[in-house]
């Protein structure tokens, strides 16, 4: 992950208060990217009519459990997994696609927040 090795990393540790939120944002970004990748694969399998989804669903559920209950990424994962388990593949694929798209928006927001946090100590 480029953000972790960015030159601002050492400055963030010196600032103190910035280090914890930045590290949390970096971890949340990593998990959001992982969720997006898993959902992309789930979406591909659903659109191909593949019914061998259990391993992907388990991975998404494990990722979901690692997030706080109110985390938007967790809620989107819950929605996608629930749809994949209970709906036909076409409707589930549409729901998973919507959740993946929303996660991509979260990723974009996190990247912007991380860039802003890294830029602050250098001002």
N, C-alpha and C. Protein backbone atom coordinates (compact mmCIF):
# COMPACT_ATOMS: atom_id res chain seq x y z
N UNK A 1 0.84 -1.17 0.00
CA UNK A 1 0.00 0.00 0.00
C UNK A 1 0.89 1.24 0.00
N UNK A 2 0.79 2.08 -1.02
CA UNK A 2 1.65 3.24 -1.17
C UNK A 2 1.50 4.23 -0.03
N UNK A 3 0.29 4.40 0.48
CA UNK A 3 0.04 5.39 1.51
C UNK A 3 0.84 5.11 2.77
N UNK A 4 1.11 3.84 3.07
CA UNK A 4 1.85 3.51 4.29
C UNK A 4 3.32 3.87 4.15
N UNK A 5 3.86 3.81 2.93
CA UNK A 5 5.28 4.07 2.74
C UNK A 5 5.54 5.50 2.28
N UNK A 6 4.52 6.34 2.27
CA UNK A 6 4.67 7.72 1.82
C UNK A 6 5.58 8.47 2.77
N UNK A 7 6.29 9.48 2.27
CA UNK A 7 7.21 10.24 3.11
C UNK A 7 6.55 10.87 4.33
N UNK A 8 5.26 11.18 4.28
CA UNK A 8 4.57 11.79 5.41
C UNK A 8 4.42 10.87 6.60
N UNK A 9 4.71 9.58 6.47
CA UNK A 9 4.52 8.62 7.55
C UNK A 9 5.28 8.97 8.81
N UNK A 10 6.53 9.33 8.69
CA UNK A 10 7.35 9.67 9.86
C UNK A 10 6.81 10.94 10.53
N UNK A 11 6.41 11.92 9.74
CA UNK A 11 5.86 13.15 10.30
C UNK A 11 4.58 12.88 11.07
N UNK A 12 3.77 11.97 10.58
CA UNK A 12 2.52 11.65 11.26
C UNK A 12 2.78 11.08 12.64
N UNK A 13 3.81 10.25 12.78
CA UNK A 13 4.14 9.68 14.08
C UNK A 13 4.59 10.78 15.04
N UNK A 14 5.31 11.76 14.55
CA UNK A 14 5.77 12.86 15.39
C UNK A 14 4.61 13.74 15.87
N UNK A 15 3.61 13.92 15.02
CA UNK A 15 2.47 14.75 15.38
C UNK A 15 1.68 14.10 16.51
N UNK A 16 1.68 12.76 16.56
CA UNK A 16 1.01 12.06 17.65
C UNK A 16 -0.46 11.81 17.37
N UNK A 17 -1.29 12.83 17.53
CA UNK A 17 -2.73 12.66 17.35
C UNK A 17 -3.09 12.19 15.95
N UNK A 18 -2.32 12.57 14.95
CA UNK A 18 -2.63 12.22 13.57
C UNK A 18 -2.33 10.76 13.28
N UNK A 19 -1.41 10.16 14.01
CA UNK A 19 -0.98 8.80 13.72
C UNK A 19 -2.11 7.79 13.86
N UNK A 20 -2.88 7.86 14.92
CA UNK A 20 -3.94 6.87 15.13
C UNK A 20 -5.03 6.98 14.06
N UNK A 21 -5.60 8.16 13.83
CA UNK A 21 -6.63 8.25 12.79
C UNK A 21 -6.11 7.86 11.41
N UNK A 22 -4.88 8.26 11.07
CA UNK A 22 -4.34 7.91 9.77
C UNK A 22 -4.18 6.40 9.65
N UNK A 23 -3.66 5.77 10.67
CA UNK A 23 -3.50 4.31 10.65
C UNK A 23 -4.86 3.63 10.54
N UNK A 24 -5.85 4.16 11.23
CA UNK A 24 -7.20 3.59 11.14
C UNK A 24 -7.75 3.75 9.72
N UNK A 25 -7.52 4.92 9.12
CA UNK A 25 -8.00 5.14 7.76
C UNK A 25 -7.30 4.20 6.77
N UNK A 26 -6.00 3.99 6.97
CA UNK A 26 -5.26 3.09 6.09
C UNK A 26 -5.79 1.66 6.21
N UNK A 27 -6.09 1.23 7.43
CA UNK A 27 -6.63 -0.11 7.65
C UNK A 27 -8.03 -0.23 7.04
N UNK A 28 -8.83 0.81 7.22
CA UNK A 28 -10.17 0.79 6.64
C UNK A 28 -10.09 0.77 5.12
N UNK A 29 -9.14 1.50 4.54
CA UNK A 29 -8.95 1.49 3.09
C UNK A 29 -8.57 0.09 2.62
N UNK A 30 -7.66 -0.56 3.33
CA UNK A 30 -7.24 -1.91 2.96
C UNK A 30 -8.44 -2.87 2.97
N UNK A 31 -9.25 -2.78 4.00
CA UNK A 31 -10.42 -3.66 4.10
C UNK A 31 -11.46 -3.33 3.03
N UNK A 32 -11.64 -2.05 2.74
CA UNK A 32 -12.60 -1.66 1.71
C UNK A 32 -12.15 -2.17 0.34
N UNK A 33 -10.85 -2.09 0.07
CA UNK A 33 -10.33 -2.59 -1.21
C UNK A 33 -10.48 -4.10 -1.30
N UNK A 34 -10.27 -4.78 -0.18
CA UNK A 34 -10.45 -6.23 -0.15
C UNK A 34 -11.92 -6.59 -0.41
N UNK A 35 -12.83 -5.85 0.22
CA UNK A 35 -14.27 -6.09 0.02
C UNK A 35 -14.64 -5.85 -1.44
N UNK A 36 -14.13 -4.77 -2.01
CA UNK A 36 -14.42 -4.47 -3.42
C UNK A 36 -13.95 -5.61 -4.33
N UNK A 37 -12.73 -6.10 -4.08
CA UNK A 37 -12.19 -7.17 -4.91
C UNK A 37 -13.01 -8.46 -4.79
N UNK A 38 -13.38 -8.81 -3.56
CA UNK A 38 -14.21 -10.00 -3.36
C UNK A 38 -15.58 -9.84 -4.00
N UNK A 39 -16.15 -8.65 -3.88
CA UNK A 39 -17.47 -8.42 -4.48
C UNK A 39 -17.40 -8.42 -6.00
N UNK A 40 -16.31 -7.94 -6.56
CA UNK A 40 -16.15 -7.99 -8.02
C UNK A 40 -16.15 -9.43 -8.50
N UNK A 41 -15.44 -10.28 -7.77
CA UNK A 41 -15.41 -11.70 -8.14
C UNK A 41 -16.79 -12.34 -7.94
N UNK A 42 -17.46 -12.00 -6.86
CA UNK A 42 -18.81 -12.52 -6.61
C UNK A 42 -19.76 -12.08 -7.73
N UNK A 43 -19.66 -10.83 -8.11
CA UNK A 43 -20.50 -10.30 -9.18
C UNK A 43 -20.24 -11.05 -10.49
N UNK A 44 -18.96 -11.29 -10.81
CA UNK A 44 -18.62 -12.04 -12.03
C UNK A 44 -19.22 -13.45 -12.00
N UNK A 45 -19.08 -14.11 -10.85
CA UNK A 45 -19.60 -15.47 -10.74
C UNK A 45 -21.12 -15.51 -10.84
N UNK A 46 -21.78 -14.54 -10.23
CA UNK A 46 -23.24 -14.50 -10.31
C UNK A 46 -23.70 -14.26 -11.74
N UNK A 47 -23.02 -13.36 -12.46
CA UNK A 47 -23.44 -13.07 -13.83
C UNK A 47 -23.19 -14.24 -14.76
N UNK A 48 -22.21 -15.10 -14.40
CA UNK A 48 -21.93 -16.29 -15.21
C UNK A 48 -22.81 -17.47 -14.80
N UNK A 49 -23.67 -17.27 -13.80
CA UNK A 49 -24.55 -18.34 -13.34
C UNK A 49 -23.84 -19.36 -12.47
N UNK A 50 -22.66 -19.01 -11.99
CA UNK A 50 -21.89 -19.92 -11.14
C UNK A 50 -22.56 -20.02 -9.77
N UNK A 51 -22.76 -21.22 -9.30
CA UNK A 51 -23.38 -21.42 -7.99
C UNK A 51 -22.36 -21.75 -6.91
N UNK A 52 -21.08 -21.83 -7.27
CA UNK A 52 -20.03 -22.13 -6.30
C UNK A 52 -19.55 -20.81 -5.67
N UNK A 53 -20.35 -20.30 -4.75
CA UNK A 53 -20.10 -18.98 -4.16
C UNK A 53 -19.68 -19.04 -2.70
N UNK A 54 -19.81 -20.21 -2.10
CA UNK A 54 -19.68 -20.32 -0.65
C UNK A 54 -18.33 -19.80 -0.12
N UNK A 55 -17.23 -20.11 -0.78
CA UNK A 55 -15.93 -19.65 -0.32
C UNK A 55 -15.85 -18.12 -0.33
N UNK A 56 -16.32 -17.51 -1.39
CA UNK A 56 -16.33 -16.04 -1.47
C UNK A 56 -17.22 -15.44 -0.39
N UNK A 57 -18.38 -16.02 -0.19
CA UNK A 57 -19.30 -15.51 0.82
C UNK A 57 -18.70 -15.63 2.22
N UNK A 58 -18.00 -16.74 2.46
CA UNK A 58 -17.32 -16.91 3.76
C UNK A 58 -16.23 -15.85 3.96
N UNK A 59 -15.47 -15.59 2.92
CA UNK A 59 -14.42 -14.56 3.01
C UNK A 59 -15.02 -13.18 3.29
N UNK A 60 -16.12 -12.88 2.61
CA UNK A 60 -16.79 -11.60 2.85
C UNK A 60 -17.33 -11.52 4.27
N UNK A 61 -17.89 -12.63 4.77
CA UNK A 61 -18.42 -12.63 6.15
C UNK A 61 -17.30 -12.45 7.16
N UNK A 62 -16.15 -13.05 6.92
CA UNK A 62 -15.01 -12.87 7.83
C UNK A 62 -14.55 -11.41 7.83
N UNK A 63 -14.49 -10.82 6.66
CA UNK A 63 -14.12 -9.41 6.56
C UNK A 63 -15.16 -8.54 7.27
N UNK A 64 -16.42 -8.85 7.06
CA UNK A 64 -17.51 -8.13 7.71
C UNK A 64 -17.36 -8.15 9.22
N UNK A 65 -17.03 -9.32 9.78
CA UNK A 65 -16.90 -9.46 11.23
C UNK A 65 -15.74 -8.64 11.80
N UNK A 66 -14.77 -8.30 10.95
CA UNK A 66 -13.61 -7.53 11.42
C UNK A 66 -13.90 -6.03 11.48
N UNK A 67 -15.07 -5.63 11.03
CA UNK A 67 -15.42 -4.21 10.99
C UNK A 67 -16.43 -3.88 12.09
N UNK A 68 -16.42 -2.63 12.58
CA UNK A 68 -17.41 -2.22 13.59
C UNK A 68 -18.83 -2.34 13.03
N UNK A 69 -19.79 -2.58 13.90
CA UNK A 69 -21.17 -2.82 13.47
C UNK A 69 -21.77 -1.70 12.64
N UNK A 70 -21.41 -0.46 12.92
CA UNK A 70 -22.00 0.67 12.20
C UNK A 70 -21.19 1.09 10.98
N UNK A 71 -20.11 0.40 10.68
CA UNK A 71 -19.25 0.76 9.56
C UNK A 71 -20.01 0.60 8.24
N UNK A 72 -19.99 1.61 7.37
CA UNK A 72 -20.73 1.51 6.10
C UNK A 72 -20.26 0.35 5.23
N UNK A 73 -18.98 0.01 5.27
CA UNK A 73 -18.46 -1.11 4.48
C UNK A 73 -19.08 -2.41 4.99
N UNK A 74 -19.16 -2.54 6.30
CA UNK A 74 -19.76 -3.75 6.89
C UNK A 74 -21.22 -3.89 6.45
N UNK A 75 -21.95 -2.78 6.49
CA UNK A 75 -23.36 -2.82 6.11
C UNK A 75 -23.52 -3.19 4.63
N UNK A 76 -22.64 -2.70 3.79
CA UNK A 76 -22.71 -3.04 2.36
C UNK A 76 -22.35 -4.50 2.13
N UNK A 77 -21.40 -5.02 2.89
CA UNK A 77 -21.05 -6.45 2.78
C UNK A 77 -22.24 -7.30 3.20
N UNK A 78 -22.86 -6.95 4.34
CA UNK A 78 -24.03 -7.70 4.83
C UNK A 78 -25.12 -7.74 3.76
N UNK A 79 -25.37 -6.60 3.15
CA UNK A 79 -26.41 -6.51 2.13
C UNK A 79 -26.08 -7.41 0.93
N UNK A 80 -24.84 -7.37 0.48
CA UNK A 80 -24.43 -8.17 -0.69
C UNK A 80 -24.48 -9.66 -0.39
N UNK A 81 -23.97 -10.06 0.76
CA UNK A 81 -23.96 -11.48 1.13
C UNK A 81 -25.40 -11.98 1.28
N UNK A 82 -26.23 -11.18 1.93
CA UNK A 82 -27.63 -11.57 2.10
C UNK A 82 -28.32 -11.76 0.76
N UNK A 83 -28.07 -10.85 -0.17
CA UNK A 83 -28.68 -10.96 -1.50
C UNK A 83 -28.17 -12.20 -2.23
N UNK A 84 -26.88 -12.46 -2.14
CA UNK A 84 -26.31 -13.62 -2.83
C UNK A 84 -26.86 -14.93 -2.28
N UNK A 85 -27.18 -14.95 -1.00
CA UNK A 85 -27.70 -16.17 -0.38
C UNK A 85 -29.19 -16.37 -0.61
N UNK A 86 -29.94 -15.30 -0.78
CA UNK A 86 -31.39 -15.44 -0.78
C UNK A 86 -32.08 -15.11 -2.09
N UNK A 87 -31.41 -14.47 -3.01
CA UNK A 87 -32.07 -14.04 -4.24
C UNK A 87 -31.57 -14.84 -5.43
N UNK A 88 -32.30 -14.77 -6.54
CA UNK A 88 -31.82 -15.43 -7.75
C UNK A 88 -30.59 -14.68 -8.25
N UNK A 89 -29.79 -15.32 -9.10
CA UNK A 89 -28.49 -14.78 -9.47
C UNK A 89 -28.56 -13.43 -10.17
N UNK A 90 -29.59 -13.18 -10.95
CA UNK A 90 -29.69 -11.90 -11.65
C UNK A 90 -29.94 -10.76 -10.66
N UNK A 91 -30.91 -10.93 -9.77
CA UNK A 91 -31.21 -9.90 -8.77
C UNK A 91 -30.05 -9.77 -7.79
N UNK A 92 -29.47 -10.89 -7.39
CA UNK A 92 -28.33 -10.84 -6.46
C UNK A 92 -27.16 -10.12 -7.10
N UNK A 93 -26.91 -10.41 -8.37
CA UNK A 93 -25.82 -9.74 -9.08
C UNK A 93 -26.01 -8.24 -9.12
N UNK A 94 -27.24 -7.80 -9.31
CA UNK A 94 -27.54 -6.37 -9.32
C UNK A 94 -27.30 -5.76 -7.94
N UNK A 95 -27.72 -6.46 -6.89
CA UNK A 95 -27.51 -5.97 -5.52
C UNK A 95 -26.03 -5.92 -5.17
N UNK A 96 -25.30 -6.95 -5.56
CA UNK A 96 -23.85 -6.99 -5.29
C UNK A 96 -23.17 -5.86 -6.05
N UNK A 97 -23.57 -5.64 -7.28
CA UNK A 97 -23.00 -4.56 -8.09
C UNK A 97 -23.22 -3.20 -7.43
N UNK A 98 -24.42 -2.98 -6.91
CA UNK A 98 -24.73 -1.73 -6.21
C UNK A 98 -23.86 -1.57 -4.97
N UNK A 99 -23.71 -2.63 -4.20
CA UNK A 99 -22.88 -2.57 -3.00
C UNK A 99 -21.41 -2.32 -3.36
N UNK A 100 -20.93 -3.00 -4.41
CA UNK A 100 -19.55 -2.81 -4.84
C UNK A 100 -19.31 -1.36 -5.28
N UNK A 101 -20.27 -0.82 -6.00
CA UNK A 101 -20.16 0.57 -6.46
C UNK A 101 -20.12 1.54 -5.27
N UNK A 102 -20.94 1.29 -4.27
CA UNK A 102 -20.94 2.13 -3.07
C UNK A 102 -19.61 2.01 -2.32
N UNK A 103 -19.04 0.81 -2.29
CA UNK A 103 -17.74 0.62 -1.65
C UNK A 103 -16.66 1.37 -2.42
N UNK A 104 -16.76 1.39 -3.75
CA UNK A 104 -15.80 2.16 -4.54
C UNK A 104 -15.87 3.65 -4.18
N UNK A 105 -17.07 4.14 -3.90
CA UNK A 105 -17.22 5.52 -3.44
C UNK A 105 -16.56 5.73 -2.09
N UNK A 106 -16.73 4.75 -1.18
CA UNK A 106 -16.07 4.83 0.13
C UNK A 106 -14.55 4.83 -0.02
N UNK A 107 -14.04 4.01 -0.94
CA UNK A 107 -12.60 3.94 -1.19
C UNK A 107 -12.08 5.29 -1.66
N UNK A 108 -12.80 5.90 -2.58
CA UNK A 108 -12.41 7.21 -3.09
C UNK A 108 -12.38 8.25 -1.97
N UNK A 109 -13.41 8.23 -1.12
CA UNK A 109 -13.46 9.16 0.01
C UNK A 109 -12.31 8.92 0.98
N UNK A 110 -12.03 7.66 1.27
CA UNK A 110 -10.93 7.34 2.18
C UNK A 110 -9.59 7.80 1.61
N UNK A 111 -9.38 7.56 0.33
CA UNK A 111 -8.12 8.00 -0.30
C UNK A 111 -7.96 9.51 -0.19
N UNK A 112 -9.04 10.25 -0.42
CA UNK A 112 -8.98 11.70 -0.29
C UNK A 112 -8.68 12.12 1.14
N UNK A 113 -9.31 11.47 2.11
CA UNK A 113 -9.06 11.79 3.52
C UNK A 113 -7.62 11.46 3.92
N UNK A 114 -7.11 10.36 3.41
CA UNK A 114 -5.73 9.96 3.72
C UNK A 114 -4.76 10.96 3.12
N UNK A 115 -4.99 11.35 1.89
CA UNK A 115 -4.11 12.34 1.26
C UNK A 115 -4.13 13.65 2.04
N UNK A 116 -5.31 14.06 2.47
CA UNK A 116 -5.43 15.29 3.26
C UNK A 116 -4.70 15.18 4.59
N UNK A 117 -4.83 14.03 5.25
CA UNK A 117 -4.16 13.82 6.54
C UNK A 117 -2.65 13.80 6.37
N UNK A 118 -2.18 13.21 5.29
CA UNK A 118 -0.74 13.15 5.05
C UNK A 118 -0.19 14.53 4.67
N UNK A 119 -0.97 15.35 4.04
CA UNK A 119 -0.51 16.66 3.62
C UNK A 119 -0.46 17.65 4.79
N UNK A 120 -1.32 17.50 5.78
CA UNK A 120 -1.39 18.46 6.89
C UNK A 120 -0.07 18.69 7.61
N UNK A 121 0.66 17.65 8.02
CA UNK A 121 1.91 17.90 8.75
C UNK A 121 2.96 18.63 7.91
N UNK A 122 2.83 18.56 6.60
CA UNK A 122 3.83 19.17 5.72
C UNK A 122 3.52 20.64 5.44
N UNK A 123 2.38 21.14 5.91
CA UNK A 123 2.01 22.54 5.63
C UNK A 123 2.87 23.53 6.35
